[in-house]
Amino acid sequence: MSQTGKAFSLLEVALEDVGAVCTPAELHGYLTAGLCVKTGGDTRRAVDALLDAYGVEANEGFITTLNALRELARKQLEDVNMSFMLMLPEETAGLAARAQALAHWTEAFLAGFGMQGGAINDEGFFEDLSQIAQLDTSTEFSEEDEQELIEISEYVRLGIISLYIDARPQKVQ
């Protein structure tokens, strides 16, 4: 199991423990959005709003988990090796489940980005994210769809890294 897969499973349990109805993919997308906002976003306010929307009473342990998840995403986004990964289920979860998780991730990213005051500087990418958020996961999937899902996920991953880089002040060397 990959590191992202382990984190997905652990977060799934943590969300169950606090009675949340959102998925790890949604939560990760939402938290990542705050990192891609030029102002740095107000993650705490955004997370509080998210938890309120889902009626979750978060305990201190859950808040610590959220902060660790945000810090992991930040480190991955800053890694020169571009190690940032979308938090999606492992391949063993099946194509429909992974496609649905990708749709949830992008939908939550868009919501979090807007809520945290993000400015859209690449309308095409945000239009693509809107389309991805509406993926129809009720149809049968083929082997070709598997490759397309991988390509779409990679497109989103690289686009998010680009947004993060654009949101950070450039350091003069």
N, C-alpha and C. Protein backbone atom coordinates (compact mmCIF):
# COMPACT_ATOMS: atom_id res chain seq x y z
N MET A 1 0.85 -1.17 0.00
CA MET A 1 0.00 0.00 0.00
C MET A 1 0.89 1.24 0.00
N SER A 2 0.55 2.21 -0.84
CA SER A 2 1.34 3.43 -0.93
C SER A 2 1.13 4.30 0.31
N GLN A 3 2.01 5.28 0.46
CA GLN A 3 1.90 6.20 1.59
C GLN A 3 0.58 6.97 1.52
N THR A 4 0.18 7.37 0.31
CA THR A 4 -1.09 8.07 0.15
C THR A 4 -2.25 7.15 0.47
N GLY A 5 -2.14 5.88 0.05
CA GLY A 5 -3.19 4.90 0.36
C GLY A 5 -3.34 4.67 1.85
N LYS A 6 -2.21 4.63 2.55
CA LYS A 6 -2.26 4.47 4.02
C LYS A 6 -2.91 5.69 4.65
N ALA A 7 -2.51 6.87 4.19
CA ALA A 7 -3.09 8.10 4.73
C ALA A 7 -4.59 8.14 4.45
N PHE A 8 -5.00 7.70 3.26
CA PHE A 8 -6.42 7.66 2.90
C PHE A 8 -7.18 6.78 3.88
N SER A 9 -6.64 5.59 4.14
CA SER A 9 -7.30 4.65 5.05
C SER A 9 -7.38 5.19 6.47
N LEU A 10 -6.29 5.78 6.96
CA LEU A 10 -6.28 6.36 8.31
C LEU A 10 -7.27 7.51 8.43
N LEU A 11 -7.33 8.35 7.40
CA LEU A 11 -8.25 9.48 7.44
C LEU A 11 -9.69 9.00 7.35
N GLU A 12 -9.92 7.93 6.61
CA GLU A 12 -11.26 7.36 6.52
C GLU A 12 -11.75 6.94 7.91
N VAL A 13 -10.87 6.32 8.68
CA VAL A 13 -11.21 5.90 10.04
C VAL A 13 -11.45 7.12 10.93
N ALA A 14 -10.58 8.13 10.81
CA ALA A 14 -10.72 9.34 11.62
C ALA A 14 -12.04 10.04 11.31
N LEU A 15 -12.42 10.09 10.05
CA LEU A 15 -13.69 10.71 9.67
C LEU A 15 -14.87 9.93 10.21
N GLU A 16 -14.78 8.61 10.17
CA GLU A 16 -15.83 7.77 10.75
C GLU A 16 -15.97 8.02 12.25
N ASP A 17 -14.82 8.14 12.92
CA ASP A 17 -14.83 8.33 14.38
C ASP A 17 -15.54 9.61 14.80
N VAL A 18 -15.48 10.65 13.97
CA VAL A 18 -16.15 11.91 14.33
C VAL A 18 -17.51 12.04 13.64
N GLY A 19 -17.92 11.01 12.93
CA GLY A 19 -19.24 11.01 12.31
C GLY A 19 -19.35 11.85 11.06
N ALA A 20 -18.24 12.09 10.39
CA ALA A 20 -18.27 12.91 9.18
C ALA A 20 -18.80 12.11 8.01
N VAL A 21 -19.53 12.77 7.14
CA VAL A 21 -20.04 12.11 5.94
C VAL A 21 -19.20 12.44 4.71
N CYS A 22 -18.17 13.25 4.88
CA CYS A 22 -17.29 13.54 3.75
C CYS A 22 -16.23 12.45 3.63
N THR A 23 -15.61 12.40 2.48
CA THR A 23 -14.59 11.38 2.23
C THR A 23 -13.20 11.97 2.43
N PRO A 24 -12.19 11.10 2.58
CA PRO A 24 -10.81 11.61 2.66
C PRO A 24 -10.44 12.44 1.42
N ALA A 25 -10.91 12.03 0.26
CA ALA A 25 -10.60 12.77 -0.96
C ALA A 25 -11.16 14.19 -0.88
N GLU A 26 -12.41 14.32 -0.42
CA GLU A 26 -13.01 15.65 -0.29
C GLU A 26 -12.23 16.51 0.70
N LEU A 27 -11.91 15.94 1.83
CA LEU A 27 -11.21 16.70 2.86
C LEU A 27 -9.83 17.14 2.36
N HIS A 28 -9.13 16.25 1.69
CA HIS A 28 -7.81 16.58 1.16
C HIS A 28 -7.91 17.66 0.09
N GLY A 29 -8.89 17.56 -0.79
CA GLY A 29 -9.08 18.59 -1.81
C GLY A 29 -9.35 19.94 -1.19
N TYR A 30 -10.18 19.93 -0.19
CA TYR A 30 -10.56 21.16 0.51
C TYR A 30 -9.35 21.80 1.20
N LEU A 31 -8.58 20.99 1.91
CA LEU A 31 -7.40 21.51 2.61
C LEU A 31 -6.33 21.98 1.62
N THR A 32 -6.16 21.25 0.54
CA THR A 32 -5.17 21.62 -0.47
C THR A 32 -5.51 22.97 -1.09
N ALA A 33 -6.79 23.23 -1.26
CA ALA A 33 -7.22 24.50 -1.84
C ALA A 33 -6.67 25.68 -1.05
N GLY A 34 -6.70 25.58 0.26
CA GLY A 34 -6.20 26.67 1.09
C GLY A 34 -4.72 26.94 0.89
N LEU A 35 -3.99 25.90 0.51
CA LEU A 35 -2.56 26.07 0.26
C LEU A 35 -2.30 26.74 -1.08
N CYS A 36 -3.27 26.69 -1.98
CA CYS A 36 -3.11 27.24 -3.33
C CYS A 36 -3.66 28.65 -3.47
N VAL A 37 -4.14 29.21 -2.38
CA VAL A 37 -4.66 30.58 -2.38
C VAL A 37 -3.49 31.52 -2.12
N LYS A 38 -3.39 32.59 -2.90
CA LYS A 38 -2.25 33.51 -2.79
C LYS A 38 -2.07 34.06 -1.38
N THR A 39 -3.15 34.30 -0.68
CA THR A 39 -3.06 34.85 0.67
C THR A 39 -2.70 33.79 1.70
N GLY A 40 -2.59 32.55 1.25
CA GLY A 40 -2.30 31.46 2.19
C GLY A 40 -3.57 30.85 2.74
N GLY A 41 -4.71 31.48 2.50
CA GLY A 41 -5.98 30.95 2.96
C GLY A 41 -6.10 30.94 4.47
N ASP A 42 -7.30 30.88 4.94
CA ASP A 42 -7.57 30.76 6.36
C ASP A 42 -8.08 29.34 6.57
N THR A 43 -7.16 28.41 6.63
CA THR A 43 -7.52 27.00 6.68
C THR A 43 -8.37 26.69 7.89
N ARG A 44 -8.04 27.25 9.01
CA ARG A 44 -8.80 26.95 10.23
C ARG A 44 -10.27 27.36 10.08
N ARG A 45 -10.49 28.55 9.54
CA ARG A 45 -11.87 29.01 9.33
C ARG A 45 -12.57 28.13 8.30
N ALA A 46 -11.84 27.78 7.25
CA ALA A 46 -12.42 26.94 6.20
C ALA A 46 -12.75 25.55 6.73
N VAL A 47 -11.86 24.97 7.53
CA VAL A 47 -12.10 23.65 8.10
C VAL A 47 -13.28 23.72 9.06
N ASP A 48 -13.34 24.77 9.86
CA ASP A 48 -14.49 24.93 10.77
C ASP A 48 -15.79 24.98 9.99
N ALA A 49 -15.80 25.72 8.87
CA ALA A 49 -17.00 25.82 8.04
C ALA A 49 -17.35 24.47 7.43
N LEU A 50 -16.33 23.73 6.99
CA LEU A 50 -16.56 22.41 6.42
C LEU A 50 -17.16 21.47 7.46
N LEU A 51 -16.58 21.47 8.66
CA LEU A 51 -17.08 20.60 9.72
C LEU A 51 -18.50 20.99 10.12
N ASP A 52 -18.77 22.29 10.16
CA ASP A 52 -20.13 22.74 10.45
C ASP A 52 -21.11 22.27 9.39
N ALA A 53 -20.70 22.36 8.12
CA ALA A 53 -21.57 21.94 7.02
C ALA A 53 -21.93 20.47 7.12
N TYR A 54 -20.99 19.66 7.60
CA TYR A 54 -21.25 18.23 7.75
C TYR A 54 -21.72 17.87 9.15
N GLY A 55 -21.90 18.87 10.01
CA GLY A 55 -22.38 18.61 11.36
C GLY A 55 -21.43 17.80 12.21
N VAL A 56 -20.13 18.03 12.04
CA VAL A 56 -19.13 17.25 12.75
C VAL A 56 -18.64 18.02 13.97
N GLU A 57 -18.64 17.35 15.10
CA GLU A 57 -18.04 17.88 16.31
C GLU A 57 -16.62 17.32 16.39
N ALA A 58 -15.66 18.10 15.96
CA ALA A 58 -14.28 17.61 15.90
C ALA A 58 -13.62 17.71 17.27
N ASN A 59 -12.93 16.64 17.62
CA ASN A 59 -12.17 16.65 18.86
C ASN A 59 -10.74 17.10 18.56
N GLU A 60 -9.97 17.29 19.60
CA GLU A 60 -8.60 17.79 19.45
C GLU A 60 -7.75 16.85 18.59
N GLY A 61 -7.95 15.55 18.74
CA GLY A 61 -7.20 14.57 17.95
C GLY A 61 -7.50 14.70 16.47
N PHE A 62 -8.76 14.94 16.15
CA PHE A 62 -9.14 15.09 14.74
C PHE A 62 -8.54 16.37 14.16
N ILE A 63 -8.57 17.45 14.92
CA ILE A 63 -7.97 18.71 14.46
C ILE A 63 -6.47 18.52 14.24
N THR A 64 -5.82 17.77 15.12
CA THR A 64 -4.39 17.46 14.95
C THR A 64 -4.17 16.68 13.64
N THR A 65 -5.06 15.74 13.37
CA THR A 65 -4.98 14.97 12.12
C THR A 65 -5.12 15.89 10.91
N LEU A 66 -6.07 16.81 10.97
CA LEU A 66 -6.27 17.75 9.86
C LEU A 66 -5.04 18.62 9.65
N ASN A 67 -4.46 19.09 10.74
CA ASN A 67 -3.26 19.92 10.63
C ASN A 67 -2.10 19.12 10.04
N ALA A 68 -1.97 17.85 10.44
CA ALA A 68 -0.91 16.99 9.89
C ALA A 68 -1.14 16.74 8.41
N LEU A 69 -2.39 16.56 8.01
CA LEU A 69 -2.72 16.35 6.60
C LEU A 69 -2.38 17.59 5.78
N ARG A 70 -2.71 18.74 6.31
CA ARG A 70 -2.40 20.00 5.61
C ARG A 70 -0.88 20.17 5.49
N GLU A 71 -0.16 19.87 6.56
CA GLU A 71 1.30 20.01 6.54
C GLU A 71 1.93 19.02 5.55
N LEU A 72 1.41 17.81 5.49
CA LEU A 72 1.91 16.83 4.52
C LEU A 72 1.69 17.33 3.10
N ALA A 73 0.51 17.85 2.82
CA ALA A 73 0.22 18.37 1.48
C ALA A 73 1.15 19.54 1.15
N ARG A 74 1.38 20.43 2.12
CA ARG A 74 2.27 21.57 1.89
C ARG A 74 3.68 21.10 1.56
N LYS A 75 4.18 20.14 2.33
CA LYS A 75 5.53 19.63 2.08
C LYS A 75 5.62 18.98 0.71
N GLN A 76 4.60 18.22 0.34
CA GLN A 76 4.60 17.58 -0.97
C GLN A 76 4.55 18.61 -2.09
N LEU A 77 3.75 19.67 -1.91
CA LEU A 77 3.65 20.71 -2.93
C LEU A 77 4.95 21.48 -3.09
N GLU A 78 5.71 21.60 -2.01
CA GLU A 78 6.98 22.32 -2.06
C GLU A 78 8.15 21.45 -2.50
N ASP A 79 7.96 20.16 -2.56
CA ASP A 79 9.03 19.23 -2.92
C ASP A 79 9.45 19.43 -4.37
N VAL A 80 10.75 19.63 -4.60
CA VAL A 80 11.26 19.84 -5.95
C VAL A 80 11.04 18.61 -6.83
N ASN A 81 10.82 17.45 -6.25
CA ASN A 81 10.54 16.23 -7.00
C ASN A 81 9.06 16.07 -7.33
N MET A 82 8.27 17.09 -6.99
CA MET A 82 6.82 17.10 -7.26
C MET A 82 6.13 15.85 -6.72
N SER A 83 6.34 15.58 -5.44
CA SER A 83 5.80 14.37 -4.81
C SER A 83 4.33 14.50 -4.42
N PHE A 84 3.73 15.67 -4.63
CA PHE A 84 2.33 15.86 -4.26
C PHE A 84 1.45 14.84 -4.97
N MET A 85 0.58 14.20 -4.21
CA MET A 85 -0.36 13.24 -4.76
C MET A 85 -1.76 13.58 -4.27
N LEU A 86 -2.73 13.40 -5.14
CA LEU A 86 -4.12 13.54 -4.74
C LEU A 86 -4.45 12.38 -3.80
N MET A 87 -5.19 12.64 -2.76
CA MET A 87 -5.54 11.57 -1.84
C MET A 87 -6.77 10.84 -2.39
N LEU A 88 -6.47 9.75 -3.06
CA LEU A 88 -7.51 8.92 -3.68
C LEU A 88 -7.32 7.49 -3.19
N PRO A 89 -8.36 6.66 -3.32
CA PRO A 89 -8.22 5.26 -2.89
C PRO A 89 -7.19 4.51 -3.74
N GLU A 90 -6.70 3.43 -3.20
CA GLU A 90 -5.76 2.55 -3.92
C GLU A 90 -6.46 1.94 -5.14
N GLU A 91 -5.66 1.42 -6.07
CA GLU A 91 -6.19 0.78 -7.27
C GLU A 91 -7.13 -0.37 -6.95
N THR A 92 -6.92 -1.02 -5.83
CA THR A 92 -7.76 -2.17 -5.46
C THR A 92 -9.21 -1.74 -5.19
N ALA A 93 -9.45 -0.44 -5.02
CA ALA A 93 -10.80 0.03 -4.75
C ALA A 93 -11.69 -0.04 -5.98
N GLY A 94 -11.10 -0.18 -7.14
CA GLY A 94 -11.88 -0.25 -8.36
C GLY A 94 -11.95 1.10 -9.05
N LEU A 95 -12.17 1.04 -10.34
CA LEU A 95 -12.15 2.23 -11.17
C LEU A 95 -13.28 3.21 -10.84
N ALA A 96 -14.48 2.70 -10.64
CA ALA A 96 -15.61 3.58 -10.33
C ALA A 96 -15.40 4.33 -9.02
N ALA A 97 -14.88 3.64 -8.02
CA ALA A 97 -14.63 4.29 -6.72
C ALA A 97 -13.55 5.35 -6.84
N ARG A 98 -12.51 5.06 -7.62
CA ARG A 98 -11.44 6.05 -7.80
C ARG A 98 -11.91 7.24 -8.62
N ALA A 99 -12.74 6.99 -9.64
CA ALA A 99 -13.28 8.09 -10.44
C ALA A 99 -14.19 8.97 -9.58
N GLN A 100 -15.00 8.34 -8.75
CA GLN A 100 -15.87 9.10 -7.86
C GLN A 100 -15.05 9.91 -6.86
N ALA A 101 -13.98 9.33 -6.33
CA ALA A 101 -13.12 10.05 -5.40
C ALA A 101 -12.45 11.23 -6.08
N LEU A 102 -12.03 11.07 -7.33
CA LEU A 102 -11.43 12.18 -8.07
C LEU A 102 -12.45 13.29 -8.27
N ALA A 103 -13.68 12.93 -8.60
CA ALA A 103 -14.74 13.93 -8.75
C ALA A 103 -14.97 14.66 -7.43
N HIS A 104 -15.01 13.92 -6.33
CA HIS A 104 -15.19 14.54 -5.01
C HIS A 104 -14.01 15.43 -4.65
N TRP A 105 -12.79 14.98 -4.97
CA TRP A 105 -11.59 15.77 -4.66
C TRP A 105 -11.66 17.11 -5.38
N THR A 106 -11.96 17.08 -6.68
CA THR A 106 -11.97 18.34 -7.45
C THR A 106 -13.12 19.25 -7.01
N GLU A 107 -14.26 18.67 -6.72
CA GLU A 107 -15.40 19.46 -6.25
C GLU A 107 -15.07 20.16 -4.93
N ALA A 108 -14.45 19.43 -4.02
CA ALA A 108 -14.07 20.01 -2.73
C ALA A 108 -12.96 21.04 -2.89
N PHE A 109 -12.03 20.78 -3.80
CA PHE A 109 -10.97 21.76 -4.06
C PHE A 109 -11.59 23.07 -4.54
N LEU A 110 -12.50 22.98 -5.49
CA LEU A 110 -13.15 24.19 -6.02
C LEU A 110 -13.91 24.94 -4.92
N ALA A 111 -14.63 24.21 -4.09
CA ALA A 111 -15.37 24.83 -2.99
C ALA A 111 -14.42 25.49 -2.00
N GLY A 112 -13.38 24.77 -1.62
CA GLY A 112 -12.41 25.31 -0.67
C GLY A 112 -11.67 26.51 -1.23
N PHE A 113 -11.32 26.45 -2.50
CA PHE A 113 -10.60 27.55 -3.14
C PHE A 113 -11.46 28.82 -3.14
N GLY A 114 -12.71 28.67 -3.49
CA GLY A 114 -13.61 29.82 -3.50
C GLY A 114 -13.88 30.34 -2.11
N MET A 115 -14.09 29.44 -1.16
CA MET A 115 -14.39 29.86 0.21
C MET A 115 -13.22 30.58 0.86
N GLN A 116 -12.01 30.19 0.47
CA GLN A 116 -10.82 30.77 1.08
C GLN A 116 -10.28 31.96 0.30
N GLY A 117 -11.08 32.45 -0.63
CA GLY A 117 -10.73 33.69 -1.33
C GLY A 117 -9.74 33.54 -2.46
N GLY A 118 -9.71 32.37 -3.09
CA GLY A 118 -8.78 32.15 -4.19
C GLY A 118 -9.18 32.95 -5.42
N ALA A 119 -8.17 33.47 -6.10
CA ALA A 119 -8.39 34.20 -7.34
C ALA A 119 -8.04 33.28 -8.51
N ILE A 120 -8.95 33.17 -9.44
CA ILE A 120 -8.76 32.29 -10.59
C ILE A 120 -7.89 33.00 -11.61
N ASN A 121 -6.70 32.44 -11.84
CA ASN A 121 -5.80 33.03 -12.82
C ASN A 121 -5.69 32.16 -14.07
N ASP A 122 -6.26 30.97 -14.05
CA ASP A 122 -6.25 30.08 -15.21
C ASP A 122 -7.66 29.53 -15.37
N GLU A 123 -8.49 30.29 -16.06
CA GLU A 123 -9.90 29.90 -16.19
C GLU A 123 -10.08 28.54 -16.83
N GLY A 124 -9.21 28.22 -17.81
CA GLY A 124 -9.31 26.92 -18.48
C GLY A 124 -9.14 25.76 -17.53
N PHE A 125 -8.16 25.86 -16.64
CA PHE A 125 -7.93 24.79 -15.67
C PHE A 125 -9.11 24.66 -14.72
N PHE A 126 -9.66 25.77 -14.28
CA PHE A 126 -10.80 25.71 -13.36
C PHE A 126 -12.05 25.19 -14.06
N GLU A 127 -12.21 25.50 -15.34
CA GLU A 127 -13.32 24.91 -16.10
C GLU A 127 -13.14 23.40 -16.20
N ASP A 128 -11.90 22.97 -16.43
CA ASP A 128 -11.63 21.53 -16.48
C ASP A 128 -11.94 20.87 -15.15
N LEU A 129 -11.55 21.51 -14.06
CA LEU A 129 -11.85 20.96 -12.73
C LEU A 129 -13.36 20.84 -12.53
N SER A 130 -14.10 21.83 -13.00
CA SER A 130 -15.57 21.77 -12.88
C SER A 130 -16.13 20.59 -13.65
N GLN A 131 -15.58 20.32 -14.81
CA GLN A 131 -16.03 19.17 -15.60
C GLN A 131 -15.66 17.85 -14.90
N ILE A 132 -14.47 17.79 -14.36
CA ILE A 132 -14.02 16.58 -13.67
C ILE A 132 -14.89 16.33 -12.43
N ALA A 133 -15.28 17.39 -11.76
CA ALA A 133 -16.13 17.25 -10.57
C ALA A 133 -17.49 16.64 -10.91
N GLN A 134 -17.84 16.67 -12.18
CA GLN A 134 -19.15 16.14 -12.61
C GLN A 134 -19.03 14.80 -13.34
N LEU A 135 -17.91 14.10 -13.14
CA LEU A 135 -17.73 12.80 -13.80
C LEU A 135 -18.91 11.88 -13.50
N ASP A 136 -19.37 11.20 -14.53
CA ASP A 136 -20.44 10.22 -14.35
C ASP A 136 -19.80 8.88 -13.99
N THR A 137 -19.97 8.49 -12.77
CA THR A 137 -19.35 7.24 -12.31
C THR A 137 -20.35 6.08 -12.26
N SER A 138 -21.52 6.29 -12.83
CA SER A 138 -22.54 5.24 -12.79
C SER A 138 -22.46 4.31 -14.00
N THR A 139 -21.60 4.61 -14.96
CA THR A 139 -21.50 3.79 -16.16
C THR A 139 -20.45 2.70 -15.97
N GLU A 140 -20.46 1.75 -16.88
CA GLU A 140 -19.45 0.69 -16.88
C GLU A 140 -18.14 1.28 -17.37
N PHE A 141 -17.04 0.83 -16.81
CA PHE A 141 -15.72 1.32 -17.18
C PHE A 141 -14.95 0.24 -17.93
N SER A 142 -14.13 0.68 -18.88
CA SER A 142 -13.30 -0.24 -19.65
C SER A 142 -11.83 -0.02 -19.30
N GLU A 143 -10.96 -0.82 -19.92
CA GLU A 143 -9.53 -0.66 -19.69
C GLU A 143 -9.05 0.70 -20.20
N GLU A 144 -9.66 1.20 -21.28
CA GLU A 144 -9.31 2.53 -21.79
C GLU A 144 -9.63 3.61 -20.75
N ASP A 145 -10.73 3.41 -20.06
CA ASP A 145 -11.13 4.37 -19.03
C ASP A 145 -10.10 4.41 -17.90
N GLU A 146 -9.50 3.27 -17.61
CA GLU A 146 -8.45 3.21 -16.58
C GLU A 146 -7.32 4.17 -16.93
N GLN A 147 -6.85 4.10 -18.17
CA GLN A 147 -5.76 4.97 -18.61
C GLN A 147 -6.19 6.43 -18.61
N GLU A 148 -7.42 6.69 -19.02
CA GLU A 148 -7.93 8.07 -19.01
C GLU A 148 -7.99 8.62 -17.60
N LEU A 149 -8.42 7.81 -16.65
CA LEU A 149 -8.49 8.26 -15.25
C LEU A 149 -7.09 8.59 -14.73
N ILE A 150 -6.12 7.78 -15.08
CA ILE A 150 -4.74 8.05 -14.68
C ILE A 150 -4.27 9.38 -15.27
N GLU A 151 -4.57 9.60 -16.54
CA GLU A 151 -4.15 10.84 -17.21
C GLU A 151 -4.86 12.06 -16.62
N ILE A 152 -6.14 11.93 -16.34
CA ILE A 152 -6.89 13.05 -15.75
C ILE A 152 -6.36 13.36 -14.36
N SER A 153 -6.11 12.32 -13.58
CA SER A 153 -5.57 12.51 -12.23
C SER A 153 -4.22 13.21 -12.28
N GLU A 154 -3.39 12.83 -13.23
CA GLU A 154 -2.07 13.45 -13.37
C GLU A 154 -2.21 14.91 -13.81
N TYR A 155 -3.14 15.18 -14.70
CA TYR A 155 -3.41 16.55 -15.13
C TYR A 155 -3.81 17.42 -13.93
N VAL A 156 -4.71 16.90 -13.10
CA VAL A 156 -5.14 17.64 -11.91
C VAL A 156 -3.96 17.83 -10.97
N ARG A 157 -3.22 16.78 -10.72
CA ARG A 157 -2.07 16.84 -9.81
C ARG A 157 -1.08 17.92 -10.24
N LEU A 158 -0.70 17.90 -11.51
CA LEU A 158 0.27 18.88 -12.01
C LEU A 158 -0.31 20.30 -12.03
N GLY A 159 -1.60 20.41 -12.32
CA GLY A 159 -2.25 21.72 -12.29
C GLY A 159 -2.28 22.31 -10.88
N ILE A 160 -2.50 21.47 -9.90
CA ILE A 160 -2.53 21.92 -8.50
C ILE A 160 -1.13 22.36 -8.07
N ILE A 161 -0.11 21.60 -8.46
CA ILE A 161 1.26 22.00 -8.15
C ILE A 161 1.55 23.36 -8.77
N SER A 162 1.12 23.56 -10.00
CA SER A 162 1.32 24.84 -10.69
C SER A 162 0.60 25.98 -9.96
N LEU A 163 -0.63 25.73 -9.53
CA LEU A 163 -1.37 26.75 -8.76
C LEU A 163 -0.64 27.11 -7.48
N TYR A 164 -0.12 26.09 -6.80
CA TYR A 164 0.60 26.32 -5.55
C TYR A 164 1.84 27.18 -5.81
N ILE A 165 2.60 26.84 -6.83
CA ILE A 165 3.81 27.60 -7.16
C ILE A 165 3.45 29.04 -7.51
N ASP A 166 2.40 29.23 -8.28
CA ASP A 166 1.97 30.58 -8.66
C ASP A 166 1.50 31.40 -7.47
N ALA A 167 0.99 30.72 -6.45
CA ALA A 167 0.47 31.43 -5.26
C ALA A 167 1.58 31.86 -4.29
N ARG A 168 2.74 31.29 -4.42
CA ARG A 168 3.84 31.61 -3.52
C ARG A 168 4.68 32.73 -4.09
N PRO A 169 5.12 33.64 -3.26
CA PRO A 169 6.02 34.69 -3.73
C PRO A 169 7.33 34.07 -4.23
N GLN A 170 7.81 34.55 -5.34
CA GLN A 170 9.04 34.02 -5.91
C GLN A 170 10.24 34.55 -5.13
N LYS A 171 11.16 33.66 -4.84
CA LYS A 171 12.37 34.05 -4.13
C LYS A 171 13.44 34.44 -5.15
N VAL A 172 14.07 35.57 -4.94
CA VAL A 172 15.15 36.02 -5.81
C VAL A 172 16.43 35.34 -5.37
N GLN A 173 17.14 34.77 -6.33
CA GLN A 173 18.38 34.06 -5.98
C GLN A 173 19.57 34.90 -6.29
